[in-house]
């Protein structure tokens, strides 16, 4: 900190002596809501408005003519010290947010700028804003903790659910091979097997979303054809589509549709999109898949004429555990994980996925964009 000058300028006001500000325009700052004061080149206070008196709890007669460090000893070594000294030397500006030098729990924002051969300093009380910021940070920390706890719980839950699946699968397989089963018993066994398979899918989805959320998924990227991945995904959902009597159209470009990606993960994304389209399209409905190639990316569009998406659902359709209002009564159910997994895997590839719909009963379109260069081509 620049020390106060040992020799006072004879023309400067003595401590306690009221002084007229050397800059008449400063008179207009007398009634502003922020504390405002002016120091000369020797850091002596030459202007101190009414708000500054209230803010610092000091009368102007007590501070005028005194150096900042004489009038406010706690300013020395404070966060305001070095930036404002540097601004004075460079004839520049500085802005600092810190606790008040009065150590009264308040926060202030101080802006300093050249004023004649000295500096003008404007002090604004930002305590209320800082309290809100602190509350927001605390809330963000609590939400982050809750999110971590949720991921840990889901990871444990999915593993615990998976453990009994293996013996259950073996038992059902052995029972299916028994020649002693009658027609009724085999019908019951088929029901049990369908429910076991459904439970296995749900558990796998839980495991997958927690692994992606916790950053435990490593992509194995290599050149691959998006069109071929779409064809393979269509084969995977063919039985479900056929059971509903749905029609599927496919359009793939003649040109290159190659990207750098993890073929297994992209197939997982496409299967989820196609399964979702079939799930929310009524029997006899239509699904159309279109692959288009651009110089920097390949896009897959999955469109259906199903139940559509309400405007309120669109912003949160890719969040985990979200269910469409119009589809909650459908027998297929599910945990609402599929689309969340689609988005996270798309982002891992440096891509994106968006949903569009004209509203309930008017179908939906999901567009998956994959950069040709893979994850490193993001942005």
Protein backbone atom coordinates (compact mmCIF):
# COMPACT_ATOMS: atom_id res chain seq x y z
CA UNK A 1 0.00 0.00 0.00
CA UNK A 2 1.26 3.49 -0.75
CA UNK A 3 2.01 5.08 2.64
CA UNK A 4 0.44 8.41 3.48
CA UNK A 5 2.58 11.40 2.63
CA UNK A 6 4.47 12.71 5.69
CA UNK A 7 4.13 16.27 4.47
CA UNK A 8 0.65 17.59 3.98
CA UNK A 9 0.06 19.92 1.07
CA UNK A 10 -0.52 23.37 2.56
CA UNK A 11 -3.45 23.82 0.21
CA UNK A 12 -5.16 20.63 1.35
CA UNK A 13 -7.79 20.72 4.09
CA UNK A 14 -6.68 19.74 7.56
CA UNK A 15 -8.27 16.67 9.18
CA UNK A 16 -11.80 17.54 10.19
CA UNK A 17 -11.88 20.59 7.96
CA UNK A 18 -14.73 20.64 5.45
CA UNK A 19 -13.46 20.99 1.89
CA UNK A 20 -15.21 21.92 -1.30
CA UNK A 21 -14.76 19.19 -3.85
CA UNK A 22 -12.25 20.19 -6.54
CA UNK A 23 -14.57 18.91 -9.24
CA UNK A 24 -17.91 20.78 -9.28
CA UNK A 25 -19.71 17.98 -11.20
CA UNK A 26 -19.23 15.79 -8.13
CA UNK A 27 -21.88 17.86 -6.37
CA UNK A 28 -24.44 15.93 -8.44
CA UNK A 29 -23.25 12.74 -6.72
CA UNK A 30 -24.20 14.00 -3.27
CA UNK A 31 -27.63 12.37 -3.29
CA UNK A 32 -26.98 9.12 -5.21
CA UNK A 33 -27.82 5.84 -3.48
CA UNK A 34 -24.24 4.49 -3.57
CA UNK A 35 -21.43 5.60 -1.32
CA UNK A 36 -19.08 7.78 -3.36
CA UNK A 37 -15.81 9.41 -2.39
CA UNK A 38 -12.78 10.93 -4.10
CA UNK A 39 -9.12 10.80 -3.12
CA UNK A 40 -6.30 12.93 -4.46
CA UNK A 41 -2.91 11.69 -5.68
CA UNK A 42 -1.74 11.30 -2.05
CA UNK A 43 -4.84 9.22 -1.19
CA UNK A 44 -6.37 12.01 0.90
CA UNK A 45 -10.16 12.02 0.93
CA UNK A 46 -11.40 15.21 -0.73
CA UNK A 47 -15.06 14.28 -1.34
CA UNK A 48 -17.38 12.10 0.74
CA UNK A 49 -21.09 12.03 -0.09
CA UNK A 50 -24.03 11.57 2.27
CA UNK A 51 -24.46 7.90 1.38
CA UNK A 52 -20.78 7.31 2.20
CA UNK A 53 -21.41 8.79 5.64
CA UNK A 54 -24.26 6.33 6.21
CA UNK A 55 -22.37 3.38 4.70
CA UNK A 56 -19.16 3.83 6.68
CA UNK A 57 -20.80 5.28 9.79
CA UNK A 58 -18.43 8.24 9.67
CA UNK A 59 -19.13 11.94 9.21
CA UNK A 60 -17.40 13.75 6.39
CA UNK A 61 -15.89 16.20 8.89
CA UNK A 62 -14.11 13.19 10.42
CA UNK A 63 -12.57 11.88 7.18
CA UNK A 64 -12.04 14.81 4.80
CA UNK A 65 -8.37 15.64 4.42
CA UNK A 66 -7.21 12.35 5.92
CA UNK A 67 -5.66 9.54 3.92
CA UNK A 68 -7.73 6.43 3.30
CA UNK A 69 -5.50 4.39 5.61
CA UNK A 70 -5.62 7.01 8.35
CA UNK A 71 -9.39 7.26 8.19
CA UNK A 72 -9.92 3.52 7.66
CA UNK A 73 -6.95 1.55 9.10
CA UNK A 74 -8.58 -1.78 8.24
CA UNK A 75 -8.26 -0.93 4.52
CA UNK A 76 -4.54 -1.70 4.65
CA UNK A 77 -3.94 -5.23 3.44
CA UNK A 78 -7.60 -5.73 2.47
CA UNK A 79 -8.67 -7.18 -0.91
CA UNK A 80 -9.18 -3.60 -2.12
CA UNK A 81 -5.59 -2.56 -1.37
CA UNK A 82 -3.41 -3.81 -4.24
CA UNK A 83 -5.95 -3.46 -7.11
CA UNK A 84 -6.72 0.17 -6.31
CA UNK A 85 -3.09 1.12 -5.76
CA UNK A 86 -2.26 -0.44 -9.14
CA UNK A 87 -5.15 1.44 -10.75
CA UNK A 88 -3.88 4.73 -9.28
CA UNK A 89 -0.38 4.13 -10.61
CA UNK A 90 -1.59 3.06 -14.06
CA UNK A 91 -4.35 5.67 -14.19
CA UNK A 92 -6.69 2.81 -14.94
CA UNK A 93 -9.81 1.26 -13.45
CA UNK A 94 -10.44 -1.54 -10.95
CA UNK A 95 -13.46 -3.38 -9.63
CA UNK A 96 -13.43 -5.56 -6.51
CA UNK A 97 -16.08 -7.54 -4.65
CA UNK A 98 -15.21 -8.39 -1.05
CA UNK A 99 -16.38 -8.18 2.52
CA UNK A 100 -16.60 -4.67 3.85
CA UNK A 101 -13.48 -3.33 5.55
CA UNK A 102 -15.74 -2.59 8.51
CA UNK A 103 -15.87 -6.36 9.18
CA UNK A 104 -19.61 -6.09 9.79
CA UNK A 105 -20.63 -9.07 7.63
CA UNK A 106 -21.64 -6.91 4.67
CA UNK A 107 -20.34 -7.39 1.14
CA UNK A 108 -19.52 -4.47 -1.12
CA UNK A 109 -18.62 -3.90 -4.73
CA UNK A 110 -16.13 -1.07 -5.17
CA UNK A 111 -15.31 0.49 -8.53
CA UNK A 112 -12.33 2.84 -8.87
CA UNK A 113 -11.55 5.08 -11.83
CA UNK A 114 -9.30 8.08 -12.49
CA UNK A 115 -10.67 11.44 -11.34
CA UNK A 116 -8.41 14.42 -11.92
CA UNK A 117 -5.02 13.40 -10.53
CA UNK A 118 -6.71 11.13 -8.00
CA UNK A 119 -9.35 8.41 -7.98
CA UNK A 120 -13.13 8.21 -7.70
CA UNK A 121 -14.44 5.25 -5.68
CA UNK A 122 -18.04 4.09 -5.80
CA UNK A 123 -19.15 1.61 -3.10
CA UNK A 124 -22.27 -0.48 -3.60
CA UNK A 125 -23.74 -2.73 -0.93
CA UNK A 126 -24.21 -6.19 -2.50
CA UNK A 127 -24.92 -8.13 0.70
CA UNK A 128 -28.40 -9.22 -0.43
CA UNK A 129 -27.04 -10.47 -3.76
CA UNK A 130 -24.23 -12.37 -2.07
CA UNK A 131 -26.70 -14.00 0.31
CA UNK A 132 -28.77 -15.18 -2.65
CA UNK A 133 -25.62 -16.47 -4.39
CA UNK A 134 -24.64 -18.35 -1.23
CA UNK A 135 -28.10 -19.90 -0.99
CA UNK A 136 -27.92 -20.93 -4.64
CA UNK A 137 -24.48 -22.49 -4.18
CA UNK A 138 -25.67 -24.37 -1.12
CA UNK A 139 -28.75 -25.56 -2.99
CA UNK A 140 -26.59 -26.62 -5.94
CA UNK A 141 -24.30 -28.55 -3.59
CA UNK A 142 -27.30 -30.29 -1.98
CA UNK A 143 -28.69 -31.21 -5.40
CA UNK A 144 -25.30 -32.54 -6.50
CA UNK A 145 -25.10 -34.66 -3.35
CA UNK A 146 -28.63 -35.92 -3.92
CA UNK A 147 -27.79 -36.76 -7.53
CA UNK A 148 -24.69 -38.69 -6.47
CA UNK A 149 -26.65 -40.53 -3.81
CA UNK A 150 -29.33 -41.38 -6.38
CA UNK A 151 -26.73 -42.77 -8.81
CA UNK A 152 -25.12 -44.83 -6.05
CA UNK A 153 -28.51 -46.14 -4.93
CA UNK A 154 -29.49 -47.11 -8.48
CA UNK A 155 -26.15 -48.82 -9.02
CA UNK A 156 -26.57 -50.90 -5.85
CA UNK A 157 -30.22 -51.58 -6.61
CA UNK A 158 -29.56 -52.77 -10.15
CA UNK A 159 -26.78 -55.10 -9.01
CA UNK A 160 -28.92 -56.49 -6.18
CA UNK A 161 -31.79 -57.09 -8.60
CA UNK A 162 -29.50 -58.75 -11.12
CA UNK A 163 -28.12 -61.30 -8.65
CA UNK A 164 -31.33 -63.37 -8.33
CA UNK A 165 -31.99 -63.16 -12.07
CA UNK A 166 -29.33 -65.73 -12.95
CA UNK A 167 -30.74 -68.60 -10.81
CA UNK A 168 -34.28 -67.63 -11.83
CA UNK A 169 -33.29 -67.84 -15.49
CA UNK A 170 -31.69 -71.26 -14.96
CA UNK A 171 -34.75 -72.60 -13.10
CA UNK A 172 -37.15 -71.46 -15.82
CA UNK A 173 -34.90 -72.94 -18.50
CA UNK A 174 -34.78 -76.30 -16.72
CA UNK A 175 -38.54 -76.31 -16.19
CA UNK A 176 -39.15 -75.59 -19.87
CA UNK A 177 -37.27 -78.77 -20.76
CA UNK A 178 -39.45 -80.96 -18.52
CA UNK A 179 -41.65 -83.41 -20.38
CA UNK A 180 -43.96 -83.71 -17.37
CA UNK A 181 -45.45 -80.23 -17.81
CA UNK A 182 -49.03 -80.07 -18.97
CA UNK A 183 -50.57 -77.39 -21.19
CA UNK A 184 -51.64 -75.18 -18.28
CA UNK A 185 -48.25 -75.44 -16.61
CA UNK A 186 -46.45 -74.50 -19.84
CA UNK A 187 -48.73 -71.50 -20.28
CA UNK A 188 -47.86 -70.35 -16.77
CA UNK A 189 -44.18 -70.97 -17.46
CA UNK A 190 -44.37 -68.78 -20.57
CA UNK A 191 -45.89 -65.97 -18.49
CA UNK A 192 -43.07 -66.32 -15.96
CA UNK A 193 -40.44 -66.26 -18.72
CA UNK A 194 -41.91 -63.13 -20.31
CA UNK A 195 -41.87 -61.32 -16.97
CA UNK A 196 -38.32 -62.52 -16.27
CA UNK A 197 -37.20 -61.18 -19.65
CA UNK A 198 -38.94 -57.87 -18.98
CA UNK A 199 -37.30 -57.60 -15.56
CA UNK A 200 -33.91 -58.35 -17.12
CA UNK A 201 -34.37 -55.47 -19.58
CA UNK A 202 -35.31 -53.07 -16.79
CA UNK A 203 -32.31 -54.09 -14.69
CA UNK A 204 -29.97 -53.74 -17.67
CA UNK A 205 -31.33 -50.25 -18.31
CA UNK A 206 -30.75 -49.28 -14.69
CA UNK A 207 -27.19 -50.58 -14.83
CA UNK A 208 -26.51 -48.79 -18.09
CA UNK A 209 -27.85 -45.36 -17.07
CA UNK A 210 -25.88 -45.44 -13.81
CA UNK A 211 -22.67 -46.45 -15.60
CA UNK A 212 -23.07 -43.63 -18.12
CA UNK A 213 -23.98 -41.11 -15.41
CA UNK A 214 -20.91 -42.03 -13.39
CA UNK A 215 -18.57 -41.80 -16.39
CA UNK A 216 -17.81 -45.51 -16.44
CA UNK A 217 -18.60 -46.07 -20.12
CA UNK A 218 -15.62 -46.15 -22.49
CA UNK A 219 -16.36 -45.82 -26.18
CA UNK A 220 -14.55 -48.09 -28.64
CA UNK A 221 -14.73 -45.96 -31.74
CA UNK A 222 -14.00 -47.15 -35.26
CA UNK A 223 -15.29 -46.28 -38.76
CA UNK A 224 -18.83 -47.61 -39.14
CA UNK A 225 -21.85 -47.29 -41.44
CA UNK A 226 -24.83 -45.59 -39.80
CA UNK A 227 -27.18 -47.06 -42.42
CA UNK A 228 -26.02 -50.57 -41.60
CA UNK A 229 -26.47 -49.87 -37.88
CA UNK A 230 -30.05 -48.75 -38.59
CA UNK A 231 -30.77 -51.95 -40.53
CA UNK A 232 -29.46 -54.08 -37.66
CA UNK A 233 -31.48 -52.09 -35.14
CA UNK A 234 -34.62 -52.63 -37.22
CA UNK A 235 -33.96 -56.37 -37.13
CA UNK A 236 -33.79 -56.20 -33.31
CA UNK A 237 -37.23 -54.58 -33.01
CA UNK A 238 -38.82 -56.46 -35.90
CA UNK A 239 -40.76 -58.84 -33.66
CA UNK A 240 -42.33 -56.03 -31.61
CA UNK A 241 -43.19 -54.07 -34.76
CA UNK A 242 -44.72 -57.13 -36.43
CA UNK A 243 -46.76 -57.95 -33.32
CA UNK A 244 -48.44 -54.54 -33.61
CA UNK A 245 -48.88 -54.75 -37.35
CA UNK A 246 -46.90 -51.55 -37.83
CA UNK A 247 -45.36 -50.47 -41.11
CA UNK A 248 -41.72 -49.35 -41.28
CA UNK A 249 -40.15 -47.35 -44.10
CA UNK A 250 -36.40 -46.86 -44.50
CA UNK A 251 -34.47 -44.35 -46.60
CA UNK A 252 -30.66 -44.50 -46.68
CA UNK A 253 -28.48 -42.29 -48.91
CA UNK A 254 -26.44 -43.78 -51.73
CA UNK A 255 -23.40 -41.79 -50.63
CA UNK A 256 -21.16 -42.31 -47.65
CA UNK A 257 -22.88 -42.58 -44.27
CA UNK A 258 -19.76 -43.46 -42.32
CA UNK A 259 -18.90 -41.99 -38.92
CA UNK A 260 -16.31 -42.68 -36.26
CA UNK A 261 -18.27 -44.28 -33.45
CA UNK A 262 -18.81 -47.20 -31.11
CA UNK A 263 -20.98 -49.50 -33.22
CA UNK A 264 -22.48 -51.31 -30.22
CA UNK A 265 -23.44 -48.07 -28.46
CA UNK A 266 -24.88 -46.46 -31.58
CA UNK A 267 -26.90 -49.63 -32.21
CA UNK A 268 -28.17 -49.32 -28.63
CA UNK A 269 -29.23 -45.72 -29.29
CA UNK A 270 -31.03 -46.64 -32.52
CA UNK A 271 -32.79 -49.64 -30.94
CA UNK A 272 -34.06 -47.44 -28.13
CA UNK A 273 -35.37 -44.82 -30.57
CA UNK A 274 -37.08 -47.48 -32.69
CA UNK A 275 -38.51 -49.30 -29.68
CA UNK A 276 -39.82 -45.98 -28.36
CA UNK A 277 -41.45 -45.19 -31.71
CA UNK A 278 -43.13 -48.61 -31.83
CA UNK A 279 -44.18 -48.41 -28.19
CA UNK A 280 -46.03 -45.11 -28.64
CA UNK A 281 -47.48 -45.85 -32.07
CA UNK A 282 -50.83 -47.69 -32.12
CA UNK A 283 -51.27 -51.02 -33.93
CA UNK A 284 -51.31 -50.53 -37.69
CA UNK A 285 -49.39 -47.25 -37.42
CA UNK A 286 -46.38 -46.21 -39.44
CA UNK A 287 -42.74 -45.53 -38.58
CA UNK A 288 -40.28 -43.98 -41.01
CA UNK A 289 -36.51 -43.96 -40.59
CA UNK A 290 -34.46 -41.58 -42.73
CA UNK A 291 -30.66 -41.43 -42.84
CA UNK A 292 -29.15 -38.27 -44.34
CA UNK A 293 -25.51 -37.41 -44.85
CA UNK A 294 -23.87 -34.00 -44.58
CA UNK A 295 -20.18 -33.13 -45.00
CA UNK A 296 -19.58 -33.02 -41.24
CA UNK A 297 -22.25 -35.33 -39.82
CA UNK A 298 -24.78 -38.09 -40.43
CA UNK A 299 -28.32 -37.69 -39.14
CA UNK A 300 -30.95 -40.34 -38.42
CA UNK A 301 -34.58 -39.25 -38.20
CA UNK A 302 -37.14 -41.60 -36.63
CA UNK A 303 -40.69 -40.38 -37.29
CA UNK A 304 -43.96 -41.98 -36.23
CA UNK A 305 -47.68 -41.24 -36.42
CA UNK A 306 -48.29 -42.25 -32.83
CA UNK A 307 -49.63 -40.53 -29.71
CA UNK A 308 -47.33 -37.50 -30.04
CA UNK A 309 -45.79 -35.42 -27.28
CA UNK A 310 -47.46 -32.63 -25.35
CA UNK A 311 -45.64 -29.26 -25.38
CA UNK A 312 -45.07 -29.48 -21.62
CA UNK A 313 -43.36 -32.86 -22.02
CA UNK A 314 -40.96 -31.88 -24.81
CA UNK A 315 -38.41 -29.97 -22.64
CA UNK A 316 -38.00 -32.94 -20.28
CA UNK A 317 -38.49 -35.91 -22.59
CA UNK A 318 -34.82 -36.95 -22.31
CA UNK A 319 -34.65 -36.76 -18.51
CA UNK A 320 -34.36 -40.06 -16.59
CA UNK A 321 -37.59 -41.64 -15.31
CA UNK A 322 -39.86 -39.27 -17.25
CA UNK A 323 -43.04 -40.84 -18.57
CA UNK A 324 -45.30 -39.33 -21.21
CA UNK A 325 -48.67 -38.41 -19.70
CA UNK A 326 -50.49 -39.85 -22.70
CA UNK A 327 -48.58 -43.12 -22.49
CA UNK A 328 -48.64 -43.93 -18.81
CA UNK A 329 -51.62 -46.22 -19.16
CA UNK A 330 -50.00 -48.36 -21.83
CA UNK A 331 -49.16 -51.93 -20.93
CA UNK A 332 -45.53 -51.62 -22.04
CA UNK A 333 -44.72 -49.36 -19.09
CA UNK A 334 -40.99 -49.01 -18.53
CA UNK A 335 -38.89 -46.83 -16.27
CA UNK A 336 -38.46 -43.90 -18.61
CA UNK A 337 -34.73 -44.60 -18.99
CA UNK A 338 -34.44 -45.36 -22.71
CA UNK A 339 -34.48 -41.79 -24.03
CA UNK A 340 -32.24 -40.53 -21.22
CA UNK A 341 -29.72 -43.17 -22.26
CA UNK A 342 -30.10 -42.15 -25.91
CA UNK A 343 -29.19 -38.55 -25.16
CA UNK A 344 -26.22 -39.39 -22.92
CA UNK A 345 -24.74 -41.82 -25.42
CA UNK A 346 -25.28 -39.34 -28.25
CA UNK A 347 -23.46 -36.65 -26.25
CA UNK A 348 -20.61 -39.08 -25.51
CA UNK A 349 -20.19 -39.40 -29.28
CA UNK A 350 -20.06 -35.62 -29.65
CA UNK A 351 -23.54 -35.68 -31.15
CA UNK A 352 -27.04 -34.68 -30.13
CA UNK A 353 -30.64 -35.82 -30.20
CA UNK A 354 -33.76 -33.66 -30.34
CA UNK A 355 -37.48 -34.39 -30.29
CA UNK A 356 -40.25 -32.61 -32.17
CA UNK A 357 -44.01 -33.04 -32.11
CA UNK A 358 -47.05 -31.04 -33.14
CA UNK A 359 -48.82 -32.23 -30.01
CA UNK A 360 -50.87 -35.17 -28.70
CA UNK A 361 -52.17 -37.48 -31.40
CA UNK A 362 -49.91 -35.99 -34.09
CA UNK A 363 -46.86 -38.22 -33.93
CA UNK A 364 -43.27 -37.42 -33.04
CA UNK A 365 -39.90 -37.08 -34.71
CA UNK A 366 -36.56 -37.87 -33.06
CA UNK A 367 -33.43 -36.63 -34.81
CA UNK A 368 -30.04 -38.12 -33.93
CA UNK A 369 -26.97 -36.26 -35.20
CA UNK A 370 -23.56 -37.95 -35.19
CA UNK A 371 -20.41 -36.04 -36.21
CA UNK A 372 -18.30 -37.87 -38.76
CA UNK A 373 -15.16 -37.37 -36.69
CA UNK A 374 -16.57 -38.94 -33.53
CA UNK A 375 -16.35 -37.45 -30.01
CA UNK A 376 -13.31 -35.29 -30.88
CA UNK A 377 -15.37 -33.50 -33.53
CA UNK A 378 -17.88 -32.14 -30.98
CA UNK A 379 -18.69 -28.43 -31.20
